[in-house]
C-alpha atoms as a PDB file:
ATOM      1  CA  MET A   1     135.986  43.207 127.493  1.00  0.00           C
ATOM      2  CA  ASP A   2     137.892  45.679 129.654  1.00  0.00           C
ATOM      3  CA  VAL A   3     135.898  48.622 130.883  1.00  0.00           C
ATOM      4  CA  PRO A   4     137.552  52.012 131.195  1.00  0.00           C
ATOM      5  CA  PRO A   5     138.433  53.215 134.695  1.00  0.00           C
ATOM      6  CA  ARG A   6     135.807  55.255 136.516  1.00  0.00           C
ATOM      7  CA  TYR A   7     136.186  58.999 136.218  1.00  0.00           C
ATOM      8  CA  ALA A   8     136.490  60.982 139.425  1.00  0.00           C
ATOM      9  CA  ALA A   9     135.963  64.743 139.312  1.00  0.00           C
ATOM     10  CA  LYS A  10     138.422  65.226 142.154  1.00  0.00           C
ATOM     11  CA  ALA A  11     141.886  63.691 142.372  1.00  0.00           C
ATOM     12  CA  PRO A  12     142.301  61.078 145.115  1.00  0.00           C
ATOM     13  CA  PRO A  13     144.119  62.294 148.249  1.00  0.00           C
ATOM     14  CA  GLY A  14     147.879  62.103 147.935  1.00  0.00           C
ATOM     15  CA  SER A  15     147.857  61.981 144.140  1.00  0.00           C
ATOM     16  CA  SER A  16     149.759  64.465 142.034  1.00  0.00           C
ATOM     17  CA  THR A  17     149.096  65.947 138.628  1.00  0.00           C
ATOM     18  CA  SER A  18     152.568  67.407 138.221  1.00  0.00           C
ATOM     19  CA  THR A  19     154.957  66.216 135.519  1.00  0.00           C
ATOM     20  CA  GLY A  20     157.828  65.787 137.919  1.00  0.00           C
ATOM     21  CA  ASP A  21     160.070  68.813 137.488  1.00  0.00           C
ATOM     22  CA  GLY A  22     157.144  71.259 137.451  1.00  0.00           C
ATOM     23  CA  ALA A  23     158.225  72.886 134.173  1.00  0.00           C
ATOM     24  CA  LEU A  24     156.112  72.574 131.062  1.00  0.00           C
ATOM     25  CA  PRO A  25     157.858  71.856 127.775  1.00  0.00           C
ATOM     26  CA  SER A  26     158.510  74.819 125.510  1.00  0.00           C
ATOM     27  CA  TYR A  27     155.852  75.205 122.826  1.00  0.00           C
ATOM     28  CA  THR A  28     154.835  77.958 120.445  1.00  0.00           C
ATOM     29  CA  PHE A  29     151.105  77.750 119.882  1.00  0.00           C
ATOM     30  CA  PRO A  30     150.076  78.376 116.256  1.00  0.00           C
ATOM     31  CA  THR A  31     147.997  81.481 115.598  1.00  0.00           C
ATOM     32  CA  LYS A  32     146.535  80.378 112.257  1.00  0.00           C
ATOM     33  CA  PHE A  33     144.895  77.134 111.258  1.00  0.00           C
ATOM     34  CA  VAL A  34     143.859  75.616 107.945  1.00  0.00           C
ATOM     35  CA  ILE A  35     140.293  74.288 107.900  1.00  0.00           C
ATOM     36  CA  GLY A  36     139.484  72.748 104.545  1.00  0.00           C
ATOM     37  CA  ARG A  37     140.672  75.307 101.994  1.00  0.00           C
ATOM     38  CA  VAL A  38     140.388  78.276 104.337  1.00  0.00           C
ATOM     39  CA  GLN A  39     143.017  79.645 106.695  1.00  0.00           C
ATOM     40  CA  THR A  40     141.792  81.283 109.881  1.00  0.00           C
ATOM     41  CA  ASP A  41     142.829  84.828 110.730  1.00  0.00           C
ATOM     42  CA  GLY A  42     143.525  83.917 114.329  1.00  0.00           C
ATOM     43  CA  LEU A  43     142.529  81.648 117.159  1.00  0.00           C
ATOM     44  CA  LEU A  44     139.082  80.106 117.028  1.00  0.00           C
ATOM     45  CA  VAL A  45     138.762  80.142 120.819  1.00  0.00           C
ATOM     46  CA  THR A  46     140.737  81.711 123.620  1.00  0.00           C
ATOM     47  CA  ILE A  47     142.035  80.139 126.820  1.00  0.00           C
ATOM     48  CA  PRO A  48     139.434  82.039 128.915  1.00  0.00           C
ATOM     49  CA  GLN A  49     136.679  80.718 126.617  1.00  0.00           C
ATOM     50  CA  VAL A  50     137.947  77.152 127.044  1.00  0.00           C
ATOM     51  CA  LYS A  51     138.051  77.617 130.829  1.00  0.00           C
ATOM     52  CA  GLY A  52     134.545  79.081 130.782  1.00  0.00           C
ATOM     53  CA  HIS A  53     133.263  76.172 128.705  1.00  0.00           C
ATOM     54  CA  LEU A  54     134.860  73.627 131.036  1.00  0.00           C
ATOM     55  CA  ALA A  55     133.316  75.404 134.038  1.00  0.00           C
ATOM     56  CA  MET A  56     129.920  75.215 132.345  1.00  0.00           C
ATOM     57  CA  LEU A  57     130.350  71.482 131.620  1.00  0.00           C
ATOM     58  CA  ASN A  58     131.294  70.983 135.268  1.00  0.00           C
ATOM     59  CA  ALA A  59     128.112  72.803 136.312  1.00  0.00           C
ATOM     60  CA  PHE A  60     126.108  70.400 134.111  1.00  0.00           C
ATOM     61  CA  ALA A  61     127.796  67.390 135.770  1.00  0.00           C
ATOM     62  CA  GLU A  62     127.066  68.814 139.225  1.00  0.00           C
ATOM     63  CA  LEU A  63     123.446  69.392 138.189  1.00  0.00           C
ATOM     64  CA  LYS A  64     123.116  65.721 137.223  1.00  0.00           C
ATOM     65  CA  ASP A  65     124.613  64.652 140.553  1.00  0.00           C
ATOM     66  CA  ASP A  66     122.206  66.961 142.394  1.00  0.00           C
ATOM     67  CA  VAL A  67     119.172  65.621 140.505  1.00  0.00           C
ATOM     68  CA  ASN A  68     120.161  62.027 141.226  1.00  0.00           C
ATOM     69  CA  ALA A  69     120.556  62.889 144.930  1.00  0.00           C
ATOM     70  CA  TRP A  70     117.052  64.369 145.256  1.00  0.00           C
ATOM     71  CA  PRO A  71     114.766  62.644 147.764  1.00  0.00           C
ATOM     72  CA  ASP A  72     112.381  60.071 146.321  1.00  0.00           C
ATOM     73  CA  ASN A  73     109.229  61.856 147.499  1.00  0.00           C
ATOM     74  CA  ILE A  74     108.939  64.284 144.546  1.00  0.00           C
ATOM     75  CA  PRO A  75     105.661  63.558 142.697  1.00  0.00           C
ATOM     76  CA  ASN A  76     105.998  61.740 139.342  1.00  0.00           C
ATOM     77  CA  MET A  77     109.785  61.476 139.640  1.00  0.00           C
ATOM     78  CA  PRO A  78     111.233  58.044 138.780  1.00  0.00           C
ATOM     79  CA  PHE A  79     113.245  56.196 141.435  1.00  0.00           C
ATOM     80  CA  ASN A  80     115.794  54.825 138.944  1.00  0.00           C
ATOM     81  CA  SER A  81     118.630  57.365 138.492  1.00  0.00           C
ATOM     82  CA  LYS A  82     118.854  56.943 134.683  1.00  0.00           C
ATOM     83  CA  LYS A  83     115.112  57.413 134.307  1.00  0.00           C
ATOM     84  CA  ARG A  84     115.207  60.257 136.809  1.00  0.00           C
ATOM     85  CA  TRP A  85     117.820  62.110 134.766  1.00  0.00           C
ATOM     86  CA  ALA A  86     115.843  61.543 131.531  1.00  0.00           C
ATOM     87  CA  TRP A  87     112.701  62.808 133.298  1.00  0.00           C
ATOM     88  CA  PHE A  88     114.570  65.923 134.436  1.00  0.00           C
ATOM     89  CA  VAL A  89     116.067  66.580 130.983  1.00  0.00           C
ATOM     90  CA  ASN A  90     112.630  66.279 129.370  1.00  0.00           C
ATOM     91  CA  MET A  91     111.348  68.945 131.760  1.00  0.00           C
ATOM     92  CA  ALA A  92     114.402  71.081 130.932  1.00  0.00           C
ATOM     93  CA  VAL A  93     113.618  70.765 127.198  1.00  0.00           C
ATOM     94  CA  GLU A  94     110.101  72.022 127.868  1.00  0.00           C
ATOM     95  CA  ARG A  95     111.501  74.929 129.915  1.00  0.00           C
ATOM     96  CA  PHE A  96     113.979  75.729 127.106  1.00  0.00           C
ATOM     97  CA  ASP A  97     111.154  75.870 124.567  1.00  0.00           C
ATOM     98  CA  ARG A  98     109.160  78.234 126.793  1.00  0.00           C
ATOM     99  CA  TRP A  99     112.235  80.395 127.484  1.00  0.00           C
ATOM    100  CA  VAL A 100     113.082  80.741 123.779  1.00  0.00           C
ATOM    101  CA  ARG A 101     109.506  81.661 122.865  1.00  0.00           C
ATOM    102  CA  ALA A 102     109.473  84.320 125.601  1.00  0.00           C
ATOM    103  CA  LEU A 103     112.758  85.938 124.495  1.00  0.00           C
ATOM    104  CA  LYS A 104     112.674  89.551 123.479  1.00  0.00           C
ATOM    105  CA  SER A 105     115.348  91.782 122.029  1.00  0.00           C
ATOM    106  CA  ILE A 106     118.037  92.376 124.623  1.00  0.00           C
ATOM    107  CA  ASP A 107     119.751  95.608 125.478  1.00  0.00           C
ATOM    108  CA  ASP A 108     123.538  95.196 125.176  1.00  0.00           C
ATOM    109  CA  SER A 109     124.014  97.143 128.402  1.00  0.00           C
ATOM    110  CA  ILE A 110     122.274  94.393 130.416  1.00  0.00           C
ATOM    111  CA  PRO A 111     124.858  92.107 132.092  1.00  0.00           C
ATOM    112  CA  ILE A 112     124.960  88.562 130.733  1.00  0.00           C
ATOM    113  CA  GLU A 113     124.130  87.218 134.207  1.00  0.00           C
ATOM    114  CA  ASP A 114     120.730  88.929 133.961  1.00  0.00           C
ATOM    115  CA  VAL A 115     120.009  87.449 130.525  1.00  0.00           C
ATOM    116  CA  LEU A 116     121.087  83.823 130.910  1.00  0.00           C
ATOM    117  CA  PRO A 117     118.497  81.136 131.614  1.00  0.00           C
ATOM    118  CA  PRO A 118     118.664  78.694 134.539  1.00  0.00           C
ATOM    119  CA  ILE A 119     121.375  76.029 134.310  1.00  0.00           C
ATOM    120  CA  ASP A 120     119.007  73.264 133.138  1.00  0.00           C
ATOM    121  CA  VAL A 121     117.804  75.434 130.248  1.00  0.00           C
ATOM    122  CA  LEU A 122     121.402  76.410 129.438  1.00  0.00           C
ATOM    123  CA  MET A 123     122.297  72.710 129.312  1.00  0.00           C
ATOM    124  CA  VAL A 124     119.540  72.022 126.755  1.00  0.00           C
ATOM    125  CA  TRP A 125     120.635  75.017 124.688  1.00  0.00           C
ATOM    126  CA  HIS A 126     124.232  73.736 124.751  1.00  0.00           C
ATOM    127  CA  SER A 127     123.069  70.300 123.580  1.00  0.00           C
ATOM    128  CA  TYR A 128     121.006  71.906 120.820  1.00  0.00           C
ATOM    129  CA  MET A 129     124.067  73.778 119.526  1.00  0.00           C
ATOM    130  CA  LEU A 130     126.028  70.514 119.372  1.00  0.00           C
ATOM    131  CA  ASN A 131     124.025  69.710 116.241  1.00  0.00           C
ATOM    132  CA  PRO A 132     124.848  72.723 114.054  1.00  0.00           C
ATOM    133  CA  ARG A 133     122.772  71.511 111.109  1.00  0.00           C
ATOM    134  CA  TRP A 134     119.549  71.370 113.143  1.00  0.00           C
ATOM    135  CA  TYR A 135     120.427  74.633 114.857  1.00  0.00           C
ATOM    136  CA  ALA A 136     121.023  76.392 111.504  1.00  0.00           C
ATOM    137  CA  GLU A 137     117.923  74.882 109.871  1.00  0.00           C
ATOM    138  CA  ASP A 138     115.746  75.872 112.822  1.00  0.00           C
ATOM    139  CA  GLY A 139     117.305  79.331 112.736  1.00  0.00           C
ATOM    140  CA  GLN A 140     116.198  79.743 109.117  1.00  0.00           C
ATOM    141  CA  ARG A 141     112.790  78.155 109.627  1.00  0.00           C
ATOM    142  CA  LEU A 142     111.911  79.879 112.904  1.00  0.00           C
ATOM    143  CA  GLY A 143     113.757  83.114 112.099  1.00  0.00           C
ATOM    144  CA  PRO A 144     112.596  85.769 114.557  1.00  0.00           C
ATOM    145  CA  ILE A 145     112.093  83.310 117.412  1.00  0.00           C
ATOM    146  CA  LEU A 146     115.720  82.174 117.327  1.00  0.00           C
ATOM    147  CA  GLN A 147     117.192  85.550 116.371  1.00  0.00           C
ATOM    148  CA  HIS A 148     117.217  86.640 120.008  1.00  0.00           C
ATOM    149  CA  LEU A 149     118.749  83.307 121.000  1.00  0.00           C
ATOM    150  CA  HIS A 150     121.652  83.919 118.601  1.00  0.00           C
ATOM    151  CA  SER A 151     122.284  87.404 120.017  1.00  0.00           C
ATOM    152  CA  ILE A 152     122.324  86.062 123.583  1.00  0.00           C
ATOM    153  CA  GLY A 153     124.709  83.311 122.440  1.00  0.00           C
ATOM    154  CA  ARG A 154     127.095  85.879 120.973  1.00  0.00           C
ATOM    155  CA  LYS A 155     126.895  87.908 124.186  1.00  0.00           C
ATOM    156  CA  LEU A 156     127.621  84.783 126.246  1.00  0.00           C
ATOM    157  CA  ALA A 157     130.598  83.797 124.058  1.00  0.00           C
ATOM    158  CA  ALA A 158     132.021  87.312 124.324  1.00  0.00           C
ATOM    159  CA  SER A 159     131.707  87.231 128.109  1.00  0.00           C
ATOM    160  CA  LEU A 160     133.745  84.052 128.578  1.00  0.00           C
END
């Protein structure tokens, strides 16, 4: 079985990502989309939001690289990089739980940078939102606890 080529975050020296003539093909991006039986009133996401999301995903990848590069003398940390990452993520899940339970109502005048959690907690939150059914069910079941999380999420999305 052929394995896919390894992904490199940075292009190798001397490589080019241009299409040759440097001009992109002409394209008119649609402004409305049909999802099921409903037509959207506009774009679901903006280019700045996509760029912000990609930057966040890059920060998560850099975090994983950093964790795997830690020295081996940290107490209770596994030596194996896969186990080390799982160990770190489990700690991040615990930190996310504590952060959510400590959330209070936020003042809209507070900058998003002062409200966001550390990057490991943000990564767990992002993963949690990737399962919208669990996220919605927990939102209904835990109500007030997650209400503040939703308002911070809206503030974060608006800031991208």
